[in-house]
N, C-alpha and C. Protein backbone atom coordinates (compact mmCIF):
# COMPACT_ATOMS: atom_id res chain seq x y z
N MET A 1 27.09 48.57 11.67
CA MET A 1 26.14 47.67 11.04
C MET A 1 24.77 47.94 11.66
N GLY A 2 23.80 47.93 10.85
CA GLY A 2 22.45 48.16 11.33
C GLY A 2 21.53 47.07 10.82
N LEU A 3 20.46 46.81 11.53
CA LEU A 3 19.48 45.80 11.13
C LEU A 3 18.15 46.49 10.94
N VAL A 4 17.58 46.31 9.77
CA VAL A 4 16.31 46.94 9.46
C VAL A 4 15.30 45.83 9.23
N LEU A 5 14.24 45.83 9.99
CA LEU A 5 13.17 44.83 9.83
C LEU A 5 12.02 45.47 9.10
N SER A 6 11.45 44.72 8.21
CA SER A 6 10.33 45.24 7.46
C SER A 6 9.04 44.75 8.10
N PHE A 7 8.19 45.69 8.49
CA PHE A 7 6.91 45.34 9.09
C PHE A 7 5.77 45.53 8.10
N ALA A 8 6.08 45.40 6.83
CA ALA A 8 5.05 45.54 5.81
C ALA A 8 4.02 44.44 6.01
N ASN A 9 2.79 44.79 5.91
CA ASN A 9 1.64 43.88 6.06
C ASN A 9 1.55 43.26 7.46
N PHE A 10 2.20 43.85 8.43
CA PHE A 10 2.19 43.26 9.77
C PHE A 10 0.84 43.42 10.46
N PHE A 11 0.17 44.52 10.22
CA PHE A 11 -1.05 44.79 10.94
C PHE A 11 -2.32 44.44 10.16
N GLN A 12 -2.22 43.61 9.16
CA GLN A 12 -3.42 43.19 8.44
C GLN A 12 -4.17 42.17 9.29
N ILE A 13 -5.39 42.47 9.62
CA ILE A 13 -6.17 41.65 10.54
C ILE A 13 -6.43 40.26 9.97
N ASP A 14 -6.70 40.14 8.68
CA ASP A 14 -7.05 38.84 8.11
C ASP A 14 -5.89 37.85 8.18
N ASN A 15 -4.67 38.32 8.26
CA ASN A 15 -3.53 37.42 8.33
C ASN A 15 -3.09 37.13 9.75
N LEU A 16 -3.58 37.89 10.72
CA LEU A 16 -3.13 37.71 12.09
C LEU A 16 -3.54 36.37 12.67
N TYR A 17 -4.72 35.88 12.32
CA TYR A 17 -5.24 34.69 12.95
C TYR A 17 -5.13 33.45 12.08
N SER A 18 -4.39 33.50 11.03
CA SER A 18 -4.25 32.36 10.14
C SER A 18 -3.20 31.41 10.71
N LEU A 19 -3.60 30.17 10.95
CA LEU A 19 -2.65 29.17 11.47
C LEU A 19 -1.88 28.49 10.37
N ASN A 20 -2.45 28.43 9.18
CA ASN A 20 -1.81 27.71 8.08
C ASN A 20 -0.86 28.58 7.29
N LYS A 21 -0.98 29.88 7.39
CA LYS A 21 -0.17 30.77 6.58
C LYS A 21 1.06 31.17 7.37
N ILE A 22 2.20 30.67 6.95
CA ILE A 22 3.45 30.99 7.62
C ILE A 22 4.36 31.61 6.57
N GLU A 23 4.66 32.88 6.74
CA GLU A 23 5.54 33.54 5.79
C GLU A 23 6.65 34.22 6.56
N PRO A 24 7.85 34.19 6.02
CA PRO A 24 8.96 34.82 6.73
C PRO A 24 8.85 36.34 6.67
N MET A 25 9.42 37.00 7.67
CA MET A 25 9.46 38.45 7.71
C MET A 25 10.77 38.87 7.06
N PRO A 26 10.72 39.71 6.05
CA PRO A 26 11.97 40.11 5.40
C PRO A 26 12.84 40.93 6.35
N ALA A 27 14.12 40.69 6.31
CA ALA A 27 15.08 41.44 7.10
C ALA A 27 16.22 41.85 6.17
N TYR A 28 16.66 43.06 6.30
CA TYR A 28 17.73 43.56 5.45
C TYR A 28 18.88 44.01 6.34
N LEU A 29 20.08 43.64 5.98
CA LEU A 29 21.26 44.08 6.71
C LEU A 29 21.89 45.22 5.92
N VAL A 30 22.20 46.26 6.63
CA VAL A 30 22.82 47.42 6.00
C VAL A 30 24.19 47.61 6.63
N PHE A 31 25.22 47.56 5.79
CA PHE A 31 26.58 47.77 6.25
C PHE A 31 27.03 49.16 5.82
N GLU A 32 27.52 49.92 6.76
CA GLU A 32 28.00 51.26 6.44
C GLU A 32 29.46 51.37 6.84
N LYS A 33 30.21 51.96 5.96
CA LYS A 33 31.59 52.25 6.31
C LYS A 33 31.62 53.68 6.86
N PRO A 34 32.43 53.90 7.83
CA PRO A 34 32.48 55.27 8.36
C PRO A 34 32.99 56.25 7.30
N GLN A 35 32.50 57.44 7.39
CA GLN A 35 32.89 58.47 6.42
C GLN A 35 34.34 58.87 6.69
N VAL A 36 35.09 58.83 5.62
CA VAL A 36 36.52 59.12 5.75
C VAL A 36 36.83 60.43 5.04
N LEU A 37 37.54 61.25 5.71
CA LEU A 37 37.93 62.53 5.12
C LEU A 37 39.41 62.43 4.74
N LYS A 38 39.67 62.58 3.47
CA LYS A 38 41.05 62.52 3.00
C LYS A 38 41.48 63.90 2.54
N LYS A 39 42.64 64.21 2.91
CA LYS A 39 43.21 65.47 2.45
C LYS A 39 44.37 65.14 1.52
N ILE A 40 44.34 65.73 0.40
CA ILE A 40 45.43 65.54 -0.53
C ILE A 40 46.29 66.82 -0.48
N THR A 41 47.47 66.60 -0.12
CA THR A 41 48.36 67.76 -0.04
C THR A 41 49.41 67.70 -1.13
N ASN A 42 49.70 68.81 -1.63
CA ASN A 42 50.71 68.89 -2.67
C ASN A 42 51.65 70.04 -2.28
N ASN A 43 52.77 69.71 -1.83
CA ASN A 43 53.79 70.69 -1.43
C ASN A 43 53.22 71.85 -0.63
N LYS A 44 52.81 71.64 0.53
CA LYS A 44 52.37 72.66 1.47
C LYS A 44 51.04 73.29 1.13
N MET A 45 50.44 72.89 0.12
CA MET A 45 49.20 73.55 -0.25
C MET A 45 48.08 72.51 -0.33
N VAL A 46 46.98 72.77 0.31
CA VAL A 46 45.86 71.85 0.29
C VAL A 46 45.07 72.14 -0.97
N LYS A 47 44.97 71.15 -1.83
CA LYS A 47 44.23 71.37 -3.08
C LYS A 47 42.74 71.19 -2.85
N LYS A 48 42.35 70.01 -2.38
CA LYS A 48 40.92 69.81 -2.17
C LYS A 48 40.71 68.69 -1.17
N GLN A 49 39.55 68.68 -0.65
CA GLN A 49 39.18 67.63 0.26
C GLN A 49 38.18 66.70 -0.44
N ILE A 50 38.39 65.42 -0.27
CA ILE A 50 37.50 64.44 -0.91
C ILE A 50 36.75 63.69 0.20
N TYR A 51 35.45 63.71 0.05
CA TYR A 51 34.62 62.95 0.97
C TYR A 51 34.18 61.67 0.27
N GLU A 52 34.40 60.57 0.96
CA GLU A 52 33.92 59.30 0.39
C GLU A 52 32.53 59.02 0.93
N GLU A 53 31.65 58.66 0.03
CA GLU A 53 30.28 58.33 0.42
C GLU A 53 30.28 56.93 1.04
N PRO A 54 29.43 56.72 2.05
CA PRO A 54 29.36 55.37 2.63
C PRO A 54 28.82 54.38 1.60
N VAL A 55 29.38 53.20 1.67
CA VAL A 55 28.96 52.14 0.75
C VAL A 55 27.92 51.28 1.47
N ILE A 56 26.77 51.18 0.85
CA ILE A 56 25.71 50.34 1.42
C ILE A 56 25.67 49.04 0.63
N ALA A 57 26.09 47.99 1.29
CA ALA A 57 26.11 46.68 0.64
C ALA A 57 25.01 45.84 1.27
N SER A 58 24.16 45.34 0.47
CA SER A 58 23.05 44.53 0.97
C SER A 58 23.20 43.12 0.42
N PRO A 59 23.81 42.23 1.20
CA PRO A 59 23.95 40.87 0.70
C PRO A 59 22.58 40.20 0.62
N ILE A 60 22.47 39.25 -0.25
CA ILE A 60 21.21 38.53 -0.43
C ILE A 60 21.03 37.56 0.73
N ILE A 61 19.92 37.69 1.39
CA ILE A 61 19.59 36.79 2.48
C ILE A 61 18.49 35.87 1.99
N GLU A 62 18.80 34.59 2.03
CA GLU A 62 17.81 33.63 1.55
C GLU A 62 16.86 33.28 2.69
N THR A 63 15.59 33.35 2.38
CA THR A 63 14.59 32.98 3.37
C THR A 63 14.09 31.58 3.03
N ALA A 64 13.62 30.92 4.04
CA ALA A 64 13.12 29.55 3.83
C ALA A 64 11.83 29.59 3.04
N ASP A 65 11.67 28.61 2.17
CA ASP A 65 10.44 28.47 1.41
C ASP A 65 9.46 27.67 2.27
N THR A 66 8.59 28.39 2.97
CA THR A 66 7.71 27.73 3.93
C THR A 66 6.75 26.77 3.27
N ARG A 67 6.32 27.08 2.08
CA ARG A 67 5.40 26.16 1.40
C ARG A 67 6.09 24.83 1.13
N ALA A 68 7.33 24.88 0.69
CA ALA A 68 8.08 23.64 0.42
C ALA A 68 8.33 22.88 1.72
N GLU A 69 8.64 23.62 2.79
CA GLU A 69 8.86 22.95 4.07
C GLU A 69 7.57 22.30 4.57
N LEU A 70 6.44 22.99 4.44
CA LEU A 70 5.16 22.40 4.85
C LEU A 70 4.83 21.17 4.02
N GLU A 71 5.15 21.21 2.73
CA GLU A 71 4.91 20.05 1.86
C GLU A 71 5.79 18.88 2.29
N ASN A 72 7.05 19.16 2.63
CA ASN A 72 7.95 18.11 3.10
C ASN A 72 7.44 17.49 4.39
N ILE A 73 6.95 18.33 5.29
CA ILE A 73 6.41 17.83 6.56
C ILE A 73 5.19 16.96 6.29
N LYS A 74 4.35 17.38 5.36
CA LYS A 74 3.15 16.59 5.03
C LYS A 74 3.53 15.23 4.44
N VAL A 75 4.54 15.21 3.57
CA VAL A 75 4.99 13.95 2.97
C VAL A 75 5.55 13.03 4.05
N GLU A 76 6.38 13.58 4.95
CA GLU A 76 6.94 12.78 6.04
C GLU A 76 5.83 12.24 6.94
N LYS A 77 4.83 13.06 7.22
CA LYS A 77 3.70 12.63 8.06
C LYS A 77 2.94 11.48 7.39
N ASP A 78 2.70 11.61 6.08
CA ASP A 78 2.00 10.55 5.35
C ASP A 78 2.79 9.24 5.37
N LEU A 79 4.11 9.34 5.21
CA LEU A 79 4.95 8.13 5.24
C LEU A 79 4.91 7.47 6.62
N LEU A 80 4.96 8.29 7.67
CA LEU A 80 4.89 7.73 9.02
C LEU A 80 3.55 7.07 9.28
N LEU A 81 2.46 7.69 8.80
CA LEU A 81 1.13 7.10 8.98
C LEU A 81 1.03 5.76 8.26
N LYS A 82 1.57 5.70 7.03
CA LYS A 82 1.55 4.44 6.29
C LYS A 82 2.33 3.36 7.03
N GLU A 83 3.48 3.74 7.61
CA GLU A 83 4.29 2.78 8.35
C GLU A 83 3.55 2.29 9.59
N ILE A 84 2.88 3.20 10.28
CA ILE A 84 2.12 2.82 11.48
C ILE A 84 0.97 1.89 11.11
N ILE A 85 0.25 2.24 10.05
CA ILE A 85 -0.87 1.39 9.61
C ILE A 85 -0.37 0.02 9.19
N ASN A 86 0.76 -0.02 8.49
CA ASN A 86 1.34 -1.29 8.07
C ASN A 86 1.70 -2.15 9.28
N ASN A 87 2.30 -1.53 10.32
CA ASN A 87 2.64 -2.27 11.53
C ASN A 87 1.40 -2.75 12.25
N GLU A 88 0.35 -1.89 12.28
CA GLU A 88 -0.90 -2.30 12.91
C GLU A 88 -1.55 -3.45 12.16
N THR A 89 -1.46 -3.43 10.82
CA THR A 89 -2.03 -4.50 10.02
C THR A 89 -1.33 -5.81 10.30
N LYS A 90 0.01 -5.77 10.40
CA LYS A 90 0.76 -6.99 10.71
C LYS A 90 0.35 -7.54 12.07
N SER A 91 0.27 -6.65 13.07
CA SER A 91 -0.10 -7.12 14.39
C SER A 91 -1.56 -7.58 14.41
N SER A 92 -2.41 -6.95 13.61
CA SER A 92 -3.81 -7.35 13.53
C SER A 92 -3.94 -8.75 12.94
N VAL A 93 -3.17 -9.04 11.90
CA VAL A 93 -3.19 -10.38 11.30
C VAL A 93 -2.71 -11.41 12.32
N GLU A 94 -1.68 -11.07 13.08
CA GLU A 94 -1.18 -11.98 14.11
C GLU A 94 -2.24 -12.22 15.18
N GLU A 95 -2.95 -11.15 15.57
CA GLU A 95 -3.99 -11.28 16.59
C GLU A 95 -5.15 -12.14 16.06
N ILE A 96 -5.55 -11.91 14.83
CA ILE A 96 -6.63 -12.70 14.23
C ILE A 96 -6.24 -14.17 14.22
N SER A 97 -5.02 -14.45 13.82
CA SER A 97 -4.54 -15.83 13.78
C SER A 97 -4.53 -16.44 15.19
N PHE A 98 -4.07 -15.68 16.17
CA PHE A 98 -4.02 -16.18 17.55
C PHE A 98 -5.41 -16.55 18.07
N PHE A 99 -6.37 -15.61 17.92
CA PHE A 99 -7.71 -15.87 18.44
C PHE A 99 -8.45 -16.94 17.62
N SER A 100 -8.18 -17.01 16.32
CA SER A 100 -8.78 -18.06 15.50
C SER A 100 -8.31 -19.44 15.96
N ASN A 101 -7.03 -19.55 16.23
CA ASN A 101 -6.48 -20.83 16.72
C ASN A 101 -7.04 -21.18 18.09
N LEU A 102 -7.24 -20.17 18.93
CA LEU A 102 -7.81 -20.39 20.26
C LEU A 102 -9.24 -20.95 20.14
N ILE A 103 -10.04 -20.37 19.25
CA ILE A 103 -11.41 -20.84 19.03
C ILE A 103 -11.40 -22.25 18.44
N ARG A 104 -10.56 -22.46 17.44
CA ARG A 104 -10.48 -23.78 16.79
C ARG A 104 -10.12 -24.87 17.80
N ASP A 105 -9.15 -24.59 18.66
CA ASP A 105 -8.72 -25.58 19.65
C ASP A 105 -9.84 -25.93 20.63
N GLN A 106 -10.62 -24.93 21.03
CA GLN A 106 -11.71 -25.20 21.97
C GLN A 106 -12.82 -26.02 21.33
N VAL A 107 -13.07 -25.79 20.03
CA VAL A 107 -14.11 -26.56 19.33
C VAL A 107 -13.62 -27.99 19.08
N ILE A 108 -12.37 -28.14 18.67
CA ILE A 108 -11.83 -29.47 18.35
C ILE A 108 -11.86 -30.38 19.58
N ARG A 109 -11.64 -29.81 20.77
CA ARG A 109 -11.69 -30.62 21.99
C ARG A 109 -13.07 -31.27 22.20
N ASN A 110 -14.12 -30.61 21.67
CA ASN A 110 -15.48 -31.12 21.85
C ASN A 110 -16.01 -31.87 20.63
N TRP A 111 -15.23 -31.97 19.57
CA TRP A 111 -15.72 -32.58 18.34
C TRP A 111 -15.46 -34.08 18.33
N LYS A 112 -16.52 -34.81 18.15
CA LYS A 112 -16.45 -36.27 17.98
C LYS A 112 -16.74 -36.55 16.52
N GLN A 113 -15.68 -36.79 15.78
CA GLN A 113 -15.84 -37.01 14.34
C GLN A 113 -16.51 -38.36 14.10
N PRO A 114 -17.61 -38.41 13.33
CA PRO A 114 -18.30 -39.68 13.10
C PRO A 114 -17.49 -40.60 12.18
N SER A 115 -17.74 -41.88 12.30
CA SER A 115 -17.02 -42.86 11.46
C SER A 115 -17.43 -42.76 10.00
N SER A 116 -18.59 -42.17 9.73
CA SER A 116 -19.07 -42.03 8.36
C SER A 116 -18.41 -40.86 7.62
N ALA A 117 -17.55 -40.09 8.32
CA ALA A 117 -16.89 -38.94 7.69
C ALA A 117 -15.91 -39.44 6.64
N GLN A 118 -15.95 -38.78 5.49
CA GLN A 118 -15.05 -39.14 4.39
C GLN A 118 -14.21 -37.94 4.00
N LYS A 119 -13.08 -38.26 3.42
CA LYS A 119 -12.18 -37.21 2.98
C LYS A 119 -12.89 -36.35 1.92
N GLY A 120 -12.75 -35.02 2.02
CA GLY A 120 -13.36 -34.11 1.06
C GLY A 120 -14.67 -33.51 1.56
N MET A 121 -15.26 -34.02 2.63
CA MET A 121 -16.49 -33.46 3.20
C MET A 121 -16.15 -32.14 3.92
N THR A 122 -17.04 -31.18 3.82
CA THR A 122 -16.90 -29.94 4.59
C THR A 122 -18.27 -29.48 5.06
N VAL A 123 -18.28 -28.93 6.25
CA VAL A 123 -19.47 -28.32 6.84
C VAL A 123 -19.08 -26.91 7.23
N GLU A 124 -19.91 -25.93 6.87
CA GLU A 124 -19.67 -24.55 7.27
C GLU A 124 -20.74 -24.12 8.25
N ILE A 125 -20.29 -23.58 9.38
CA ILE A 125 -21.20 -23.14 10.44
C ILE A 125 -20.94 -21.68 10.75
N LEU A 126 -22.00 -20.87 10.71
CA LEU A 126 -21.90 -19.45 11.03
C LEU A 126 -22.15 -19.29 12.53
N ILE A 127 -21.20 -18.67 13.21
CA ILE A 127 -21.28 -18.50 14.66
C ILE A 127 -21.37 -17.00 14.96
N THR A 128 -22.30 -16.64 15.87
CA THR A 128 -22.44 -15.25 16.31
C THR A 128 -22.08 -15.21 17.79
N LEU A 129 -21.17 -14.29 18.14
CA LEU A 129 -20.69 -14.16 19.52
C LEU A 129 -21.02 -12.79 20.08
N VAL A 130 -20.94 -12.69 21.40
CA VAL A 130 -20.93 -11.41 22.09
C VAL A 130 -19.50 -11.22 22.61
N PRO A 131 -19.11 -9.99 22.98
CA PRO A 131 -17.72 -9.74 23.38
C PRO A 131 -17.20 -10.60 24.53
N THR A 132 -18.09 -11.15 25.35
CA THR A 132 -17.63 -12.02 26.44
C THR A 132 -17.22 -13.40 25.95
N GLY A 133 -17.50 -13.70 24.68
CA GLY A 133 -17.14 -15.01 24.13
C GLY A 133 -18.31 -15.98 24.09
N GLU A 134 -19.45 -15.56 24.61
CA GLU A 134 -20.63 -16.44 24.61
C GLU A 134 -21.17 -16.58 23.19
N ILE A 135 -21.57 -17.79 22.86
CA ILE A 135 -22.16 -18.06 21.54
C ILE A 135 -23.65 -17.77 21.67
N ILE A 136 -24.16 -16.87 20.82
CA ILE A 136 -25.58 -16.54 20.90
C ILE A 136 -26.37 -17.15 19.74
N GLN A 137 -25.66 -17.56 18.68
CA GLN A 137 -26.37 -18.16 17.56
C GLN A 137 -25.41 -19.06 16.78
N VAL A 138 -25.93 -20.21 16.34
CA VAL A 138 -25.18 -21.16 15.52
C VAL A 138 -26.07 -21.57 14.36
N ASN A 139 -25.60 -21.38 13.13
CA ASN A 139 -26.38 -21.74 11.95
C ASN A 139 -25.52 -22.57 11.00
N LEU A 140 -26.12 -23.59 10.45
CA LEU A 140 -25.46 -24.40 9.43
C LEU A 140 -25.64 -23.67 8.10
N THR A 141 -24.54 -23.23 7.49
CA THR A 141 -24.64 -22.48 6.23
C THR A 141 -24.36 -23.34 5.01
N LYS A 142 -23.56 -24.41 5.19
CA LYS A 142 -23.28 -25.31 4.08
C LYS A 142 -23.16 -26.72 4.63
N SER A 143 -24.01 -27.58 4.13
CA SER A 143 -24.03 -28.96 4.60
C SER A 143 -23.03 -29.81 3.81
N SER A 144 -22.58 -30.87 4.46
CA SER A 144 -21.66 -31.80 3.79
C SER A 144 -22.43 -32.86 3.00
N GLY A 145 -23.72 -32.97 3.28
CA GLY A 145 -24.52 -34.02 2.64
C GLY A 145 -24.63 -35.25 3.54
N ASN A 146 -23.88 -35.29 4.60
CA ASN A 146 -23.90 -36.40 5.55
C ASN A 146 -24.47 -35.84 6.86
N GLN A 147 -25.65 -36.30 7.24
CA GLN A 147 -26.36 -35.78 8.42
C GLN A 147 -25.55 -36.00 9.70
N ALA A 148 -24.90 -37.13 9.85
CA ALA A 148 -24.12 -37.43 11.06
C ALA A 148 -22.93 -36.47 11.18
N PHE A 149 -22.27 -36.19 10.06
CA PHE A 149 -21.12 -35.29 10.06
C PHE A 149 -21.57 -33.86 10.40
N ASP A 150 -22.67 -33.43 9.80
CA ASP A 150 -23.20 -32.09 10.07
C ASP A 150 -23.56 -31.94 11.55
N ASN A 151 -24.27 -32.93 12.10
CA ASN A 151 -24.69 -32.87 13.51
C ASN A 151 -23.49 -32.90 14.46
N SER A 152 -22.45 -33.65 14.11
CA SER A 152 -21.27 -33.69 14.99
C SER A 152 -20.60 -32.31 15.06
N ALA A 153 -20.56 -31.60 13.95
CA ALA A 153 -19.98 -30.25 13.93
C ALA A 153 -20.84 -29.28 14.75
N LEU A 154 -22.16 -29.33 14.54
CA LEU A 154 -23.06 -28.46 15.31
C LEU A 154 -22.96 -28.74 16.80
N ASN A 155 -22.92 -30.01 17.19
CA ASN A 155 -22.82 -30.37 18.60
C ASN A 155 -21.50 -29.89 19.22
N ALA A 156 -20.41 -29.95 18.45
CA ALA A 156 -19.11 -29.51 18.97
C ALA A 156 -19.15 -28.03 19.32
N VAL A 157 -19.76 -27.22 18.46
CA VAL A 157 -19.85 -25.77 18.73
C VAL A 157 -20.79 -25.52 19.90
N GLN A 158 -21.94 -26.20 19.94
CA GLN A 158 -22.92 -25.97 21.00
C GLN A 158 -22.39 -26.42 22.37
N LYS A 159 -21.51 -27.41 22.41
CA LYS A 159 -20.93 -27.85 23.68
C LYS A 159 -20.00 -26.78 24.26
N VAL A 160 -19.38 -26.00 23.40
CA VAL A 160 -18.48 -24.96 23.90
C VAL A 160 -19.29 -23.90 24.64
N SER A 161 -20.37 -23.45 24.09
CA SER A 161 -21.28 -22.42 24.61
C SER A 161 -20.62 -21.07 24.90
N LYS A 162 -19.37 -21.06 25.37
CA LYS A 162 -18.64 -19.81 25.60
C LYS A 162 -17.15 -20.06 25.34
N PHE A 163 -16.58 -19.23 24.48
CA PHE A 163 -15.14 -19.34 24.21
C PHE A 163 -14.38 -18.60 25.30
N GLU A 164 -13.40 -19.25 25.87
CA GLU A 164 -12.61 -18.68 26.94
C GLU A 164 -11.41 -17.91 26.39
N ASN A 165 -10.96 -16.94 27.16
CA ASN A 165 -9.75 -16.16 26.87
C ASN A 165 -9.80 -15.35 25.58
N LEU A 166 -10.96 -14.86 25.21
CA LEU A 166 -11.07 -14.00 24.03
C LEU A 166 -10.96 -12.54 24.46
N ASP A 167 -9.85 -12.19 25.05
CA ASP A 167 -9.61 -10.82 25.50
C ASP A 167 -8.97 -10.04 24.37
N MET A 168 -9.81 -9.39 23.58
CA MET A 168 -9.32 -8.63 22.42
C MET A 168 -9.98 -7.26 22.39
N GLY A 169 -9.44 -6.41 21.58
CA GLY A 169 -10.00 -5.07 21.42
C GLY A 169 -11.37 -5.12 20.75
N ARG A 170 -12.16 -4.12 21.03
CA ARG A 170 -13.52 -4.06 20.51
C ARG A 170 -13.54 -4.03 18.98
N LYS A 171 -12.65 -3.25 18.38
CA LYS A 171 -12.62 -3.13 16.92
C LYS A 171 -12.28 -4.46 16.27
N LEU A 172 -11.29 -5.15 16.81
CA LEU A 172 -10.91 -6.46 16.28
C LEU A 172 -12.07 -7.44 16.41
N PHE A 173 -12.73 -7.43 17.56
CA PHE A 173 -13.87 -8.33 17.76
C PHE A 173 -14.99 -8.02 16.77
N ASP A 174 -15.37 -6.75 16.66
CA ASP A 174 -16.47 -6.37 15.77
C ASP A 174 -16.17 -6.70 14.31
N ASN A 175 -14.94 -6.49 13.90
CA ASN A 175 -14.58 -6.72 12.49
C ASN A 175 -14.39 -8.18 12.12
N HIS A 176 -13.96 -9.01 13.07
CA HIS A 176 -13.58 -10.37 12.69
C HIS A 176 -14.24 -11.51 13.49
N PHE A 177 -14.75 -11.23 14.67
CA PHE A 177 -15.22 -12.34 15.51
C PHE A 177 -16.66 -12.22 15.98
N ARG A 178 -17.33 -11.14 15.70
CA ARG A 178 -18.74 -11.06 16.10
C ARG A 178 -19.55 -12.11 15.34
N LYS A 179 -19.31 -12.20 14.04
CA LYS A 179 -19.90 -13.25 13.20
C LYS A 179 -18.77 -13.82 12.36
N PHE A 180 -18.61 -15.13 12.41
CA PHE A 180 -17.57 -15.76 11.60
C PHE A 180 -18.02 -17.18 11.24
N THR A 181 -17.38 -17.69 10.20
CA THR A 181 -17.72 -19.03 9.72
C THR A 181 -16.61 -20.00 10.14
N LEU A 182 -17.04 -21.13 10.69
CA LEU A 182 -16.12 -22.19 11.09
C LEU A 182 -16.32 -23.34 10.10
N VAL A 183 -15.22 -23.82 9.51
CA VAL A 183 -15.29 -24.89 8.52
C VAL A 183 -14.75 -26.18 9.14
N PHE A 184 -15.56 -27.21 9.09
CA PHE A 184 -15.15 -28.53 9.58
C PHE A 184 -14.88 -29.42 8.39
N ASN A 185 -13.78 -30.14 8.45
CA ASN A 185 -13.52 -31.19 7.47
C ASN A 185 -12.73 -32.30 8.14
N PRO A 186 -12.92 -33.53 7.70
CA PRO A 186 -12.24 -34.65 8.36
C PRO A 186 -10.74 -34.73 8.04
N ASP A 187 -10.28 -33.95 7.08
CA ASP A 187 -8.87 -34.01 6.68
C ASP A 187 -7.94 -33.52 7.80
N ASN A 188 -8.36 -32.44 8.49
CA ASN A 188 -7.51 -31.92 9.56
C ASN A 188 -8.39 -31.54 10.72
């Protein structure tokens, strides 16, 4: 048995440095039977000698379809990325909820709801923070129509001056907590 490797196109310079081009090298197996010499004898007399030619059988060798394999790898990679992003989104929503509740609790501790507050009133306050949790700006964006209720909400935020325990990643802070709106209502 012999193994013959084909080095066709092996020394082409433009293909030597390609990282994306992966092609299999053809290999051919050659099977040879040893040459057999047969003598046919017929009653003491040699008639003729027959030489059998070697049989070269070349079975089909299937090579991998590298393009299909690369496509499969790309599809698997895309699916994994989607799964990772989905998991990050879930954890991001949980983190947003956690820090939002932390901020809400600190403001509620300082809020003195006025007796003139009525069900259905809402005040919206835009708060600007720095990553340390310090409040650098407070603006009333939507009034309830009741001056006492509006002032009580503004005073509650200003009394906090710095939110404690806001240890979060920079991206989460920049996307969701650098500027955010806090809604006050007497219902909850």
